[in-house]
Each structure stands twice: as C-alpha cells, then as structure tokens.
Protein backbone atom coordinates (compact mmCIF):
# COMPACT_ATOMS: atom_id res chain seq x y z
CA MET A 1 -52.03 -27.76 63.76
CA PRO A 2 -50.19 -29.31 66.43
CA ASP A 3 -52.01 -30.34 69.61
CA ILE A 4 -51.59 -28.02 72.71
CA PRO A 5 -50.74 -29.90 75.65
CA PRO A 6 -53.27 -29.27 78.53
CA GLU A 7 -50.52 -28.09 80.86
CA SER A 8 -50.17 -24.95 78.32
CA PHE A 9 -53.83 -23.86 78.68
CA ALA A 10 -53.26 -24.26 82.64
CA LEU A 11 -50.35 -21.93 82.30
CA LEU A 12 -52.07 -19.37 79.97
CA GLY A 13 -54.82 -19.29 82.67
CA GLU A 14 -52.46 -18.61 85.54
CA VAL A 15 -50.80 -16.04 83.35
CA GLY A 16 -54.30 -14.24 82.78
CA VAL A 17 -54.85 -14.46 86.46
CA TYR A 18 -51.39 -12.79 87.41
CA VAL A 19 -52.05 -9.90 84.53
CA ARG A 20 -55.45 -9.24 86.04
CA LEU A 21 -54.08 -8.93 89.47
CA ILE A 22 -51.26 -6.75 88.21
CA TRP A 23 -53.94 -4.45 86.61
CA LEU A 24 -55.88 -4.52 89.82
CA PHE A 25 -52.93 -3.69 91.95
CA SER A 26 -52.00 -0.75 89.59
CA GLY A 27 -55.43 0.47 89.84
CA LEU A 28 -55.13 0.35 93.52
CA ILE A 29 -51.99 1.97 93.52
CA THR A 30 -53.27 4.89 91.18
CA VAL A 31 -56.56 5.35 93.36
CA LEU A 32 -54.19 5.61 96.57
CA ILE A 33 -51.64 8.18 94.74
CA GLY A 34 -54.34 10.03 93.89
CA PHE A 35 -56.11 9.82 97.34
CA LEU A 36 -52.84 10.92 98.73
CA CYS A 37 -52.46 13.90 96.47
CA TYR A 38 -55.83 14.96 97.24
CA VAL A 39 -54.92 14.89 101.27
CA PHE A 40 -51.88 16.79 100.44
CA LEU A 41 -53.37 19.48 98.50
CA ALA A 42 -56.29 19.55 101.19
CA MET A 43 -53.64 20.28 103.80
CA ARG A 44 -51.77 22.77 102.10
CA ARG A 45 -54.92 24.77 101.35
CA ALA A 46 -55.77 24.32 105.04
CA LYS A 47 -52.63 25.83 105.98
CA GLU A 48 -52.72 28.52 103.65
CA LYS A 49 -56.19 29.46 104.87
CA GLU A 50 -55.00 29.18 108.44
CA ALA A 51 -51.85 31.66 107.60
CA GLU A 52 -54.23 34.04 105.86
CA SER A 53 -56.69 34.01 108.75
CA ARG A 54 -53.61 34.59 111.34
CA GLU A 55 -52.52 37.45 109.13
CA PHE A 56 -55.95 38.66 109.03
CA SER A 57 -56.23 38.37 112.60
CA ILE A 58 -52.80 40.29 113.30
CA GLN A 59 -53.91 43.11 110.81
CA MET A 60 -57.28 43.62 112.72
CA VAL A 61 -55.55 43.77 116.10
CA GLU A 62 -52.96 45.93 114.88
CA GLY A 63 -55.78 48.36 113.35
CA LEU A 64 -57.62 48.09 116.57
CA GLU A 65 -54.50 49.31 118.75
CA THR A 66 -53.77 52.13 116.06
CA GLU A 67 -57.37 53.24 116.67
CA ARG A 68 -57.29 53.20 120.28
CA ARG A 69 -54.18 55.31 120.43
CA ARG A 70 -55.43 57.71 117.96
CA VAL A 71 -58.58 58.28 120.01
CA SER A 72 -56.80 58.49 123.19
CA ARG A 73 -54.70 61.29 121.65
CA GLU A 74 -57.53 63.10 120.41
CA LEU A 75 -59.41 63.02 123.69
CA HIS A 76 -56.34 63.81 125.58
CA ASP A 77 -55.26 66.88 123.53
CA THR A 78 -58.86 68.32 122.63
CA VAL A 79 -61.37 67.17 124.98
CA LEU A 80 -59.38 66.89 128.29
CA PRO A 81 -58.18 70.69 128.54
CA LEU A 82 -61.81 71.63 128.12
CA VAL A 83 -63.47 69.70 130.89
CA ARG A 84 -63.21 69.85 134.71
CA GLY A 85 -64.19 67.79 138.03
CA GLU A 86 -65.69 64.36 137.50
CA ILE A 87 -65.76 64.84 133.65
CA HIS A 88 -62.18 65.34 133.53
CA ASP A 89 -61.34 62.23 135.56
CA LEU A 90 -63.43 60.09 133.41
CA VAL A 91 -61.93 61.27 130.36
CA ARG A 92 -58.57 60.82 131.85
CA SER A 93 -59.49 57.45 132.89
CA ILE A 94 -60.76 56.55 129.30
CA CYS A 95 -57.52 57.81 127.89
CA MET A 96 -55.46 55.59 129.98
CA GLU A 97 -57.44 52.52 129.04
CA LEU A 98 -57.10 53.19 125.59
CA MET A 99 -53.50 53.72 125.62
CA PRO A 100 -51.08 50.63 125.78
CA PRO A 101 -48.90 50.24 128.74
CA ASP A 102 -45.10 51.19 128.42
CA PHE A 103 -43.50 47.88 128.78
CA THR A 104 -40.12 49.32 128.64
CA ARG A 105 -40.93 51.16 131.92
CA LEU A 106 -43.43 48.56 133.71
CA SER A 107 -43.60 45.06 134.06
CA LEU A 108 -46.72 43.08 132.74
CA LYS A 109 -47.04 41.88 136.43
CA ASP A 110 -47.37 45.43 137.50
CA THR A 111 -49.68 46.50 134.66
CA LEU A 112 -51.99 43.34 135.60
CA ILE A 113 -52.10 44.21 139.32
CA GLY A 114 -52.82 47.69 138.15
CA LEU A 115 -55.82 46.46 136.34
CA CYS A 116 -57.18 44.71 139.55
CA ILE A 117 -56.82 48.12 141.46
CA GLN A 118 -58.46 50.06 138.84
CA PHE A 119 -61.30 47.69 138.79
CA THR A 120 -61.84 48.08 142.40
CA GLN A 121 -61.55 51.86 142.29
CA LYS A 122 -63.91 52.23 139.19
CA THR A 123 -66.63 49.66 140.33
CA GLY A 124 -65.99 49.38 143.87
CA ARG A 125 -65.98 45.74 143.60
CA GLU A 126 -63.12 43.53 145.04
CA CYS A 127 -60.68 42.25 142.43
CA PRO A 128 -58.02 40.17 144.29
CA TRP A 129 -55.14 38.57 142.53
CA CYS A 130 -52.56 36.04 142.90
CA ILE A 131 -49.38 35.93 140.86
CA GLU A 132 -47.04 33.09 141.39
CA GLU A 133 -43.25 34.37 141.97
CA GLU A 134 -42.29 31.71 139.47
CA VAL A 135 -44.24 33.55 136.88
CA ASP A 136 -41.67 35.14 134.53
CA PHE A 137 -43.05 37.11 131.61
CA SER A 138 -39.84 38.78 130.34
CA PRO A 139 -38.97 35.97 127.43
CA TYR A 140 -42.48 37.13 125.73
CA SER A 141 -42.32 39.78 123.15
CA THR A 142 -43.78 43.26 123.97
CA GLU A 143 -46.53 42.54 121.42
CA ASP A 144 -47.54 39.05 123.38
CA GLN A 145 -47.41 40.95 126.36
CA LEU A 146 -49.74 43.78 125.17
CA HIS A 147 -52.08 41.12 123.81
CA LEU A 148 -52.49 39.23 127.21
CA TYR A 149 -52.84 42.62 128.84
CA ARG A 150 -55.85 43.38 126.63
CA ILE A 151 -57.30 39.98 127.19
CA VAL A 152 -57.15 40.63 131.14
CA GLN A 153 -58.55 44.20 130.77
CA GLU A 154 -61.31 43.04 128.22
CA SER A 155 -62.28 39.88 130.71
CA LEU A 156 -62.56 42.51 133.52
CA THR A 157 -64.70 45.11 131.40
CA ASN A 158 -67.18 42.34 130.47
CA ILE A 159 -67.45 41.42 134.32
CA GLU A 160 -68.06 45.21 135.00
CA LYS A 161 -70.79 45.37 132.12
CA HIS A 162 -72.48 42.06 131.97
CA THR A 163 -72.62 40.70 135.36
CA GLY A 164 -74.02 41.96 138.76
CA THR A 165 -71.28 40.12 140.86
CA ASP A 166 -69.34 41.95 143.70
CA LYS A 167 -65.97 40.32 143.10
CA ALA A 168 -63.66 39.46 140.25
CA THR A 169 -60.48 37.51 140.63
CA LEU A 170 -57.25 37.10 138.71
CA ILE A 171 -54.81 34.01 139.19
CA ILE A 172 -51.49 33.46 137.21
CA ARG A 173 -49.35 30.59 137.66
CA ARG A 174 -46.90 28.16 135.79
CA SER A 175 -49.02 25.12 134.69
CA ASP A 176 -48.06 21.59 134.80
CA LEU A 177 -48.86 20.75 131.21
CA THR A 178 -46.42 19.34 128.67
CA PRO A 179 -45.08 21.39 127.48
CA PRO A 180 -45.23 23.81 130.31
CA ALA A 181 -47.24 26.98 130.05
CA ILE A 182 -48.49 30.02 131.93
CA SER A 183 -51.97 29.61 133.02
CA ILE A 184 -54.10 32.84 133.52
CA PHE A 185 -57.62 32.99 135.15
CA VAL A 186 -60.12 35.80 135.24
CA SER A 187 -63.35 34.71 136.98
CA ASP A 188 -66.32 36.15 138.33
CA GLU A 189 -69.47 34.93 140.54
CA GLY A 190 -71.94 36.39 138.19
CA PRO A 191 -74.82 34.50 136.10
CA GLY A 192 -72.21 33.29 133.56
CA LEU A 193 -72.76 33.41 129.67
CA SER A 194 -75.50 30.85 129.58
CA GLY A 195 -78.34 32.67 127.57
CA ASN A 196 -76.04 35.66 127.35
CA GLU A 197 -76.07 35.58 123.25
CA THR A 198 -74.96 39.27 123.25
CA ALA A 199 -71.93 38.49 125.36
CA LYS A 200 -70.86 35.19 123.45
CA LYS A 201 -71.05 36.92 120.04
CA GLY A 202 -69.70 40.23 121.34
CA LEU A 203 -66.73 42.07 120.03
CA GLY A 204 -64.83 41.78 123.19
CA ILE A 205 -64.74 37.74 122.92
CA ARG A 206 -63.72 37.72 119.36
CA SER A 207 -61.07 40.07 120.07
CA MET A 208 -59.81 38.06 122.83
CA ARG A 209 -59.73 34.86 120.70
CA GLN A 210 -58.05 36.68 117.76
CA ARG A 211 -55.52 37.67 120.36
CA ALA A 212 -54.96 34.20 121.90
CA ALA A 213 -54.52 32.81 118.51
CA ILE A 214 -51.88 35.64 117.42
CA MET A 215 -49.92 34.40 120.41
CA GLY A 216 -50.40 30.70 120.00
CA ALA A 217 -52.18 30.51 123.32
CA ASN A 218 -55.42 28.46 123.94
CA ILE A 219 -58.42 30.55 125.31
CA ASP A 220 -61.60 28.82 126.85
CA PHE A 221 -64.70 30.42 128.53
CA ILE A 222 -65.67 28.25 131.30
CA SER A 223 -69.37 28.99 132.24
CA ASP A 224 -72.05 27.27 134.12
CA SER A 225 -75.55 29.05 134.49
CA GLY A 226 -75.40 30.85 137.88
CA ASN A 227 -71.75 29.69 138.55
CA GLY A 228 -70.08 32.63 136.97
CA LEU A 229 -67.37 32.80 134.18
CA ILE A 230 -63.58 31.84 133.96
CA VAL A 231 -61.77 33.04 131.14
CA LYS A 232 -58.82 30.57 130.94
CA ILE A 233 -55.73 31.33 128.94
CA GLU A 234 -52.76 28.62 128.33
CA LEU A 235 -49.75 30.41 126.96
CA PRO A 236 -46.86 28.48 125.96
CA ILE A 237 -43.40 29.44 127.28
CA PRO A 238 -41.61 30.87 124.43
CA GLU A 239 -38.36 29.06 124.65
CA ILE A 240 -40.09 25.44 124.05
CA ARG A 241 -42.72 26.87 121.35
CA GLU A 242 -42.74 24.56 118.18
CA LYS A 243 -41.02 26.04 115.56
C-alpha cells in the first residue's frame, strides 16, 4: 500500500471543512427561504382578512343606510299623516335625520352647517362652526361625503345624549400633513369618555370607525377626564391617495 503524503491528509481535512460549511450554508438558506415563505403567506392572509373586513364593513354600513331609508319612508308615509302638533314635528325631524342628504342639490359644507343649526334648534345648545374656504369636498365620491356626514351627525348625537355640555364645535380645515388631508374636529366641553364604557363600546362609535375605515380616513377619539371629547378625522385628498 503506497504511503499517503501528510499534505494529502491536510487537503482532505480542508475539503471536509468546506463540505461541512457548504451543508451549513445550504441549511441556513433553506431556513431563510422557509421563513420568507411564511412571512409572505402571513402577509397575504393578513391582506385577505383586511379585504374581507373592509367588505364586511361596507356591507354593514350599506345595510344600515338601507334600513334608515326604509324606516324614514315608513314613518313619513304611515305615521306622519296621523299625528299633529309637537308629535308631527318630532316625527318629521326623525325622518329628516334618517334620510341621507341629496348631494346632487346640496353641498357637503351646507349639510354640515345644517347639522350644527339643527343641533342648536333641537337642544338649545350652542354649536359654532368654522369651515375654511380652501376646503373642497367636490373631489370626494357621494358615498364618502355621506360617510363623513354620518360621522359628524353621530358625533353631535353623542354630545346630545351623553354630555351635559352647553356647547359643541365643528372645525374643518386643510391639514399640513404629508400627504395633505382634510382635518375635521367635532368637540364638546363635557366629561369626556373616561369611565363611560357604554359610549366607548356603543354602536355609534363602532359605526364611525367603520365609516372612516371605508373612506381610508383616520379617526381618533381624544378625551381627558373632565376636559370633553374631540372626534378627529383625517381624510386624505382623493387625488393623492395611494393606489
């Protein structure tokens, strides 16, 4: 048997090290590929769930609007002709609140100002408003305008029901965010949401969150105990929304 030079043993040892390194590297690559596949599938499932959730919210809100119209028509056609005096005015007011505004004839600005006026007439409380002239709602779809109208309407309704404040305020302006957006603030000087679990979990706030999500807007409920509540909506301008 021929003698094997020591250099050959050293070479074989180096080859063995390289083989082990190759196997280790291959294992790491396999683990990395598996991890990336997991992340990809998780992201896809999350997007699918988000799409399903948004579709569910759209269906719920559309169903709610359909039911509002139906109830309004029923009250208008069957109850309103049978009552007189204060009851007649009350039923008529409910019908108007349930039916959506006709945005083919009225601007969103006018309908929001109308909500403030109605709030004062109904409650006897002040409701000043400030809407910047630069604010333009015309680029928004009729559906988005209705969602925004309902959010402001629900905010004022919550102020009427859950606070003893003498004043509500509506402010709408263009924000300096990047990208730019329209900022809407509905505020009161009441006790705020702290400790009011009924208001926090109520159908009204859930509905506002759903409508904001459908529009692609951000909505926050800013509340400190005893310092009132601010409903803040940041609504992206349609032309620069991400596609």
